[in-house]
Amino acid sequence: MIISLRRGLRFIRFIVFFAALVYLFYHIMDFFNGWISPVDHYQIPSGNAVKVFQETDWPGTGEARPTMAERLRLFYWYGE
């Protein structure tokens, strides 16, 4: 079996070039991800926006707390 040095070097050059392009592509996508996504996902909305979920402390325990079915019914009742 004959192993060509020129062919091996060409393969290594291809692997290095491919790795460099993958590295560059990763950093470009990371830059766009940082540019598109908001800084704080959980910030208080501004303008006409309304925060959908707000954890509340229900007074009492047991029957004073609404059931999941009641909460879901109220969620759909208010037009969501």
C-alpha atoms as a PDB file:
ATOM      1  CA  MET A   1       0.000   0.000   0.000  1.00  0.00           C
ATOM      2  CA  ILE A   2       1.380   3.339  -1.063  1.00  0.00           C
ATOM      3  CA  ILE A   3       0.583   6.395   1.072  1.00  0.00           C
ATOM      4  CA  SER A   4       0.966   9.673  -0.761  1.00  0.00           C
ATOM      5  CA  LEU A   5       2.357  12.519   1.324  1.00  0.00           C
ATOM      6  CA  ARG A   6       0.772  15.125  -0.935  1.00  0.00           C
ATOM      7  CA  ARG A   7      -2.648  13.508  -0.582  1.00  0.00           C
ATOM      8  CA  GLY A   8      -2.294  13.301   3.221  1.00  0.00           C
ATOM      9  CA  LEU A   9      -1.298  16.957   3.473  1.00  0.00           C
ATOM     10  CA  ARG A  10      -4.241  17.925   1.275  1.00  0.00           C
ATOM     11  CA  PHE A  11      -6.571  15.986   3.591  1.00  0.00           C
ATOM     12  CA  ILE A  12      -5.097  17.665   6.686  1.00  0.00           C
ATOM     13  CA  ARG A  13      -5.444  21.071   5.013  1.00  0.00           C
ATOM     14  CA  PHE A  14      -9.087  20.272   4.249  1.00  0.00           C
ATOM     15  CA  ILE A  15      -9.753  19.270   7.895  1.00  0.00           C
ATOM     16  CA  VAL A  16      -8.104  22.457   9.232  1.00  0.00           C
ATOM     17  CA  PHE A  17     -10.035  24.630   6.753  1.00  0.00           C
ATOM     18  CA  PHE A  18     -13.296  22.870   7.618  1.00  0.00           C
ATOM     19  CA  ALA A  19     -12.696  23.299  11.374  1.00  0.00           C
ATOM     20  CA  ALA A  20     -11.920  27.003  10.869  1.00  0.00           C
ATOM     21  CA  LEU A  21     -15.149  27.522   8.926  1.00  0.00           C
ATOM     22  CA  VAL A  22     -17.185  25.656  11.555  1.00  0.00           C
ATOM     23  CA  TYR A  23     -15.576  27.781  14.293  1.00  0.00           C
ATOM     24  CA  LEU A  24     -16.354  30.985  12.348  1.00  0.00           C
ATOM     25  CA  PHE A  25     -19.935  29.885  11.648  1.00  0.00           C
ATOM     26  CA  TYR A  26     -20.464  29.076  15.347  1.00  0.00           C
ATOM     27  CA  HIS A  27     -19.310  32.523  16.428  1.00  0.00           C
ATOM     28  CA  ILE A  28     -21.447  34.249  13.799  1.00  0.00           C
ATOM     29  CA  MET A  29     -24.519  32.341  14.999  1.00  0.00           C
ATOM     30  CA  ASP A  30     -23.630  33.134  18.624  1.00  0.00           C
ATOM     31  CA  PHE A  31     -23.376  36.831  17.724  1.00  0.00           C
ATOM     32  CA  PHE A  32     -26.804  36.806  16.076  1.00  0.00           C
ATOM     33  CA  ASN A  33     -28.282  34.902  19.017  1.00  0.00           C
ATOM     34  CA  GLY A  34     -27.028  37.575  21.412  1.00  0.00           C
ATOM     35  CA  TRP A  35     -28.281  40.307  19.121  1.00  0.00           C
ATOM     36  CA  ILE A  36     -31.783  38.865  18.595  1.00  0.00           C
ATOM     37  CA  SER A  37     -32.628  37.530  22.049  1.00  0.00           C
ATOM     38  CA  PRO A  38     -33.542  40.010  24.775  1.00  0.00           C
ATOM     39  CA  VAL A  39     -31.114  40.643  27.594  1.00  0.00           C
ATOM     40  CA  ASP A  40     -33.505  39.797  30.415  1.00  0.00           C
ATOM     41  CA  HIS A  41     -36.161  37.193  29.649  1.00  0.00           C
ATOM     42  CA  TYR A  42     -38.008  37.854  32.911  1.00  0.00           C
ATOM     43  CA  GLN A  43     -38.105  41.641  32.974  1.00  0.00           C
ATOM     44  CA  ILE A  44     -41.288  43.586  33.720  1.00  0.00           C
ATOM     45  CA  PRO A  45     -43.057  44.324  30.421  1.00  0.00           C
ATOM     46  CA  SER A  46     -43.433  47.917  29.297  1.00  0.00           C
ATOM     47  CA  GLY A  47     -46.086  49.690  27.246  1.00  0.00           C
ATOM     48  CA  ASN A  48     -49.288  47.739  26.570  1.00  0.00           C
ATOM     49  CA  ALA A  49     -47.683  44.383  27.371  1.00  0.00           C
ATOM     50  CA  VAL A  50     -49.026  42.369  30.275  1.00  0.00           C
ATOM     51  CA  LYS A  51     -47.146  39.737  32.216  1.00  0.00           C
ATOM     52  CA  VAL A  52     -49.192  36.537  31.828  1.00  0.00           C
ATOM     53  CA  PHE A  53     -47.975  34.562  34.804  1.00  0.00           C
ATOM     54  CA  GLN A  54     -47.640  36.074  38.235  1.00  0.00           C
ATOM     55  CA  GLU A  55     -47.149  33.843  41.226  1.00  0.00           C
ATOM     56  CA  THR A  56     -49.578  34.799  43.985  1.00  0.00           C
ATOM     57  CA  ASP A  57     -49.707  33.731  47.575  1.00  0.00           C
ATOM     58  CA  TRP A  58     -53.238  32.471  48.176  1.00  0.00           C
ATOM     59  CA  PRO A  59     -54.635  33.183  51.622  1.00  0.00           C
ATOM     60  CA  GLY A  60     -55.248  30.060  53.645  1.00  0.00           C
ATOM     61  CA  THR A  61     -54.853  26.477  52.647  1.00  0.00           C
ATOM     62  CA  GLY A  62     -57.092  23.760  51.351  1.00  0.00           C
ATOM     63  CA  GLU A  63     -60.492  24.966  50.080  1.00  0.00           C
ATOM     64  CA  ALA A  64     -59.568  28.680  50.026  1.00  0.00           C
ATOM     65  CA  ARG A  65     -57.104  27.942  47.238  1.00  0.00           C
ATOM     66  CA  PRO A  66     -58.712  27.588  43.761  1.00  0.00           C
ATOM     67  CA  THR A  67     -58.270  24.283  41.994  1.00  0.00           C
ATOM     68  CA  MET A  68     -56.337  23.921  38.779  1.00  0.00           C
ATOM     69  CA  ALA A  69     -59.608  23.458  36.869  1.00  0.00           C
ATOM     70  CA  GLU A  70     -60.977  26.742  38.247  1.00  0.00           C
ATOM     71  CA  ARG A  71     -57.785  28.566  37.355  1.00  0.00           C
ATOM     72  CA  LEU A  72     -57.897  27.140  33.830  1.00  0.00           C
ATOM     73  CA  ARG A  73     -61.588  28.069  33.489  1.00  0.00           C
ATOM     74  CA  LEU A  74     -60.826  31.661  34.571  1.00  0.00           C
ATOM     75  CA  PHE A  75     -57.897  31.791  32.175  1.00  0.00           C
ATOM     76  CA  TYR A  76     -60.158  30.932  29.230  1.00  0.00           C
ATOM     77  CA  TRP A  77     -63.016  33.058  30.565  1.00  0.00           C
ATOM     78  CA  TYR A  78     -60.934  36.221  30.356  1.00  0.00           C
ATOM     79  CA  GLY A  79     -60.457  35.641  26.628  1.00  0.00           C
ATOM     80  CA  GLU A  80     -57.119  33.946  26.330  1.00  0.00           C
END
